[in-house]
Amino acid sequence: MRTLLLALLVSTASPLLLRAQSVEPLYSGTIPDSKPSDVKETSVTLANGGVRISNVVQPNLTVFRAPADKANGTAVIVCPGGGYARLSIDHEGYDVAKRLNEMGITAFVLKYRLPNDQSQPDKTIAPLLDAQQAIRLVRQRAANYGINPARVGILGFSAGGHLASTAGTHFARPAGDARDNTSVRPDFQVLLYPVISFSDSLMHAGSRTNLLGATPTPEQIRLYSNELQVTAQTPPTFLVHAADDKTVKVQNSLRFYEACLHHGVPVEMHLYPKGGHGFGLNNKTTKDDWMGRLQNWLDANGWLTK
């Protein structure tokens, strides 16, 4: 009887075990652009259940494997937003990963380091170092994750959208002292109400100040204004924004869209009249589901084909 019960428990638990999330450190040794400090990671749970993480010192990836019967070999690295001050790790991270799993995509939620002068010699490159390392790591371990290393995309919300678009435009010269030849160019990018420009007229002030400091140089502003960094090699792009966004102006997405058109980059954009900022998966002002639009786009480009 005990043997039968044990067998029943194992057979019932196996599908859950197979889909259990794992957390993978981004770096196996010394973390680049880091220095000893008293900075300690903090996590706050809001009244509505939302989780906000700040002061990240040990960046990692939370792996959400696609179900075996749906897995199609595509991977997406998810960058939560939070103004480069915190990470909205739940509704712009874990929740999104679960929806991507339903499409057969294996998702990796990136807990990236936030700019911090105390723990980083150069805070301007720490988030990008982590995003590029995430792409590198996913490609290097593609066989373990059951994915195609030529189908690795990146998705980001708000300041996470700035990080994703930086990864999508700054890959030719990787940040830091990279000694690995693995490509850090995403195969596609998905940008949700993204911070794109650091120009005075379009910037999200908090994101720019947190990344570049209170008095950035004109060269820094231009370098991290990603609408100015688009080239013909920029990966295919999917954009979502609300016209009434008072936090990150919709012109951020419009400028990036126009830059993609100018350089012949395949691009699709969905604009909603209302929705504000930070709506995550659910823009409550419309019955339209942007994730459904994304699925159509991914399918049309062959990334959902097994």
Foldseek 3Di string as FASTA:
>chain_A
DVVVVVVVVCVVCVQVVVQDKDKAFLDPDDDPQWDDFPQDKDWDQDPVRWIKIFSDDTKIKIKGAARPVQAAQAEEEFEADDLLGIGRCPLRNVVVQVVVSVLNYIYIYIPFHRQDVRTGVASLCRRLLRLLSVLQVCLVCSVVRVHDNLRYEYEYFAQRLLSRLLLLQVQVDRPDDDPDPRGSHHQEYEYELYQQALDPVFGQVSNCCRNQNDDHDPVVRQSSNSLNRDALSRHEYEYEYECPAPRGHPVSVVSNVVSCVVRVHHYYYDYHPDQYGDPRQDRPVDPDGVVVVVSVVCVVVPNSHD
